[in-house]
Every structure is written in structure tokens, then in C-alpha cells.
Amino acid sequence: MNRSARSREFTAAVTAPATDCSLVTSYLRCTSDDAPMVAGMFAAAATATWEREPAASLRLGLEAHVLYAHQSERQSSELRHNMGEHGPSWALVLLACSQITARNGLRELTLDLSSWIASTVAALTPFAVTDLETRSVAHDCTSWRVELMRAAGDRKGAAAARKALRTLDAMP
């Protein structure tokens, strides 16, 4: 089965109505050791469905975010020591979710996701020095954050985001 077909199958399974079971929170879907991998699966499916199925993408993306955030809160060694591996997918899924919520007028959730973007990009910045793909993700996320902070009238937030953008742009 190719990656696109697996992604569609995964999306259908996760977003189907839960009519025959109890719902559990995202971080109870798997063991802590597997959480970064499962979060990556959710993130990949979310970014793959972003344009054609925004509702499914948002659901999948928020599932990924909850798993990543829970691991971050627990200060899991896998996430802390491998942020360069897991961070870009977390940042991209936050970006996608934030853009979906912005298009749908969910301002508070958009701004909350934007604050998570800022923290995730800050953790990714050391990796962006040597990894151009990570730098590109950080740049896209930070550019979006500048836009959001301006639109929200948050001058300090916009200035901080512009400063982060200048730091990324100044990298060799």
C-alpha cells in the first residue's frame, strides 16, 4: 500500500464517528515511548489532508499536537534529545491547524496555536543552523506568526516574531 493510500486509510479510521466505543484522550492512544512516532503519523496525515479535507486535517493535527505537547510537558527524553527529528512535523502541523482555524474565524484557538508555534520554532532554531529544511519550516511558521500578531494588534508579539525571522534570515 502506498503512502497516500495509508494516509487516507489512517484519516478515515481516526476521523470516523466513535459510535461503538468510548473516546480517549490522544495521549492515552499509545504508550509514552510510542507517542512521538504516533504523533508523527497524525502530523503526516494532517499535513497530507490539509487542503482537500481541512476538518479532518484539523482533527488529526490537534491529535498530533496533544501527543507532542504531552511529551514536552513530561520532558520526555525522546522529544528533548530528538527535537530536530520531531520538531519540524510538530511545527508544520501547528502551522496547518492555525491556518485552518484562522480561515474559520476561531481567533482564540488560532492565537493559542500561534504561541505553540513560537515555542516550537524557538526549540528548532539550533537545528535550523545546519538543516535547510528545518530552517524553511521555521521561516514559514515565523512568517505566519508575524502576520497573526500584526492582525491581532500585538505589537510586542509581532516585533518578537520579526526578530526571530531576522535571526533565521541571518543564518549562513
Protein backbone atom coordinates (compact mmCIF):
# COMPACT_ATOMS: atom_id res chain seq x y z
CA MET A 1 0.00 0.00 0.00
CA ASN A 2 1.49 3.38 -0.94
CA ARG A 3 1.91 6.26 1.47
CA SER A 4 -1.07 8.22 0.12
CA ALA A 5 -3.39 5.23 0.49
CA ARG A 6 -2.13 4.59 4.04
CA SER A 7 -2.71 8.24 4.87
CA ARG A 8 -6.31 8.09 3.56
CA GLU A 9 -6.95 4.88 5.49
CA PHE A 10 -5.47 6.34 8.67
CA THR A 11 -7.51 9.55 8.24
CA ALA A 12 -10.73 7.60 7.74
CA ALA A 13 -10.08 5.44 10.82
CA VAL A 14 -9.26 8.36 13.11
CA THR A 15 -11.96 10.77 11.97
CA ALA A 16 -14.80 8.24 11.79
CA PRO A 17 -17.52 8.83 14.39
CA ALA A 18 -16.91 6.88 17.60
CA THR A 19 -20.22 5.03 17.76
CA ASP A 20 -19.07 1.71 19.19
CA CYS A 21 -16.57 2.75 21.85
CA SER A 22 -15.58 5.30 24.42
CA LEU A 23 -13.42 8.20 23.39
CA VAL A 24 -10.00 8.52 24.94
CA THR A 25 -7.68 11.47 25.00
CA SER A 26 -4.90 11.47 22.45
CA TYR A 27 -2.10 10.71 24.84
CA LEU A 28 -3.91 7.56 26.01
CA ARG A 29 -3.92 6.14 22.46
CA CYS A 30 -0.39 4.78 22.84
CA THR A 31 2.46 4.24 25.23
CA SER A 32 4.71 7.18 26.12
CA ASP A 33 7.56 5.51 24.28
CA ASP A 34 5.49 5.35 21.09
CA ALA A 35 3.94 8.81 21.42
CA PRO A 36 6.44 10.71 19.24
CA MET A 37 6.08 8.13 16.47
CA VAL A 38 2.27 8.14 16.69
CA ALA A 39 2.27 11.95 16.80
CA GLY A 40 4.38 11.91 13.65
CA MET A 41 1.81 9.64 11.97
CA PHE A 42 -1.00 12.02 12.94
CA ALA A 43 1.06 15.01 11.77
CA ALA A 44 1.85 13.39 8.41
CA ALA A 45 -1.81 12.56 7.83
CA ALA A 46 -2.87 16.08 8.88
CA THR A 47 -0.48 17.82 6.52
CA ALA A 48 -1.40 15.40 3.69
CA THR A 49 -5.12 16.24 4.04
CA TRP A 50 -4.74 19.97 4.82
CA GLU A 51 -6.07 21.37 1.53
CA ARG A 52 -8.67 18.81 0.49
CA GLU A 53 -10.14 17.94 3.91
CA PRO A 54 -9.48 20.79 6.36
CA ALA A 55 -11.82 19.43 9.08
CA ALA A 56 -10.08 16.05 9.06
CA SER A 57 -6.70 17.77 8.92
CA LEU A 58 -7.57 19.90 11.95
CA ARG A 59 -8.70 16.85 13.91
CA LEU A 60 -5.58 14.88 13.01
CA GLY A 61 -3.35 17.88 13.63
CA LEU A 62 -4.78 18.55 17.07
CA GLU A 63 -4.32 14.87 17.92
CA ALA A 64 -0.65 15.18 16.91
CA HIS A 65 -0.27 18.40 18.87
CA VAL A 66 -1.73 16.88 22.05
CA LEU A 67 0.69 13.97 21.83
CA TYR A 68 3.69 16.21 21.18
CA ALA A 69 2.64 18.69 23.90
CA HIS A 70 2.11 15.91 26.42
CA GLN A 71 5.57 14.55 25.68
CA SER A 72 7.01 18.04 26.01
CA GLU A 73 5.23 18.59 29.33
CA ARG A 74 6.61 15.27 30.59
CA GLN A 75 10.05 16.34 29.34
CA SER A 76 10.38 13.04 27.53
CA SER A 77 13.93 12.25 26.60
CA GLU A 78 12.90 11.19 23.07
CA LEU A 79 11.39 14.58 22.29
CA ARG A 80 14.05 16.58 24.12
CA HIS A 81 17.00 14.79 22.53
CA ASN A 82 15.48 14.41 19.07
CA MET A 83 13.71 17.74 18.60
CA GLY A 84 15.49 18.09 15.27
CA GLU A 85 13.67 14.97 14.11
CA HIS A 86 10.23 15.56 15.67
CA GLY A 87 10.09 19.35 15.82
CA PRO A 88 9.59 20.11 12.13
CA SER A 89 6.49 17.91 11.87
CA TRP A 90 5.13 19.43 15.09
CA ALA A 91 5.73 22.97 13.77
CA LEU A 92 4.15 22.16 10.39
CA VAL A 93 1.06 20.66 11.95
CA LEU A 94 0.71 23.69 14.24
CA LEU A 95 1.00 25.93 11.19
CA ALA A 96 -1.65 23.97 9.29
CA CYS A 97 -4.03 23.92 12.26
CA SER A 98 -3.51 27.61 12.92
CA GLN A 99 -4.23 28.49 9.29
CA ILE A 100 -7.35 26.31 9.24
CA THR A 101 -8.67 27.86 12.45
CA ALA A 102 -7.88 31.37 11.16
CA ARG A 103 -9.86 30.71 7.96
CA ASN A 104 -12.78 29.58 10.08
CA GLY A 105 -12.79 32.57 12.41
CA LEU A 106 -11.54 30.74 15.51
CA ARG A 107 -9.35 33.62 16.65
CA GLU A 108 -8.55 32.44 20.19
CA LEU A 109 -7.55 28.97 19.05
CA THR A 110 -5.53 30.45 16.19
CA LEU A 111 -3.60 32.65 18.61
CA ASP A 112 -3.11 29.78 21.07
CA LEU A 113 -1.68 27.61 18.31
CA SER A 114 0.50 30.55 17.28
CA SER A 115 2.04 30.69 20.75
CA TRP A 116 2.84 26.99 20.45
CA ILE A 117 4.38 27.73 17.05
CA ALA A 118 6.67 30.32 18.66
CA SER A 119 7.85 27.87 21.32
CA THR A 120 8.36 25.04 18.86
CA VAL A 121 10.29 27.26 16.44
CA ALA A 122 12.47 28.51 19.31
CA ALA A 123 13.36 24.90 20.11
CA LEU A 124 14.06 24.24 16.41
CA THR A 125 16.30 27.26 15.85
CA PRO A 126 19.58 25.49 16.75
CA PHE A 127 18.76 22.77 14.21
CA ALA A 128 17.89 25.38 11.57
CA VAL A 129 21.53 26.48 11.52
CA THR A 130 22.60 23.33 9.68
CA ASP A 131 19.37 21.86 8.31
CA LEU A 132 17.87 23.90 5.47
CA GLU A 133 14.54 22.03 5.56
CA THR A 134 14.14 22.79 9.27
CA ARG A 135 15.08 26.41 8.58
CA SER A 136 12.41 26.60 5.88
CA VAL A 137 9.76 25.20 8.24
CA ALA A 138 10.82 27.64 10.98
CA HIS A 139 10.73 30.51 8.49
CA ASP A 140 7.24 29.64 7.22
CA CYS A 141 5.92 29.30 10.76
CA THR A 142 7.50 32.54 11.93
CA SER A 143 6.28 34.47 8.90
CA TRP A 144 2.75 33.28 9.69
CA ARG A 145 3.19 34.32 13.31
CA VAL A 146 4.27 37.85 12.23
CA GLU A 147 1.09 38.06 10.15
CA LEU A 148 -1.10 36.88 13.03
CA MET A 149 0.47 39.19 15.59
CA ARG A 150 0.04 42.19 13.28
CA ALA A 151 -3.60 41.30 12.61
CA ALA A 152 -4.22 40.87 16.34
CA GLY A 153 -2.66 44.27 17.07
CA ASP A 154 0.01 42.65 19.24
CA ARG A 155 2.98 44.91 18.57
CA LYS A 156 5.30 43.14 21.02
CA GLY A 157 4.41 39.73 19.62
CA ALA A 158 4.91 40.95 16.05
CA ALA A 159 8.26 42.52 16.98
CA ALA A 160 9.43 39.31 18.65
CA ALA A 161 8.37 37.27 15.62
CA ARG A 162 10.15 39.69 13.25
CA LYS A 163 13.29 39.38 15.39
CA ALA A 164 13.10 35.59 15.17
CA LEU A 165 12.64 35.90 11.41
CA ARG A 166 15.73 38.11 11.14
CA THR A 167 17.70 35.52 13.13
CA LEU A 168 16.63 32.81 10.69
CA ASP A 169 17.38 35.01 7.68
CA ALA A 170 20.87 35.81 9.01
CA MET A 171 21.87 32.14 9.18
CA PRO A 172 24.57 31.09 6.72
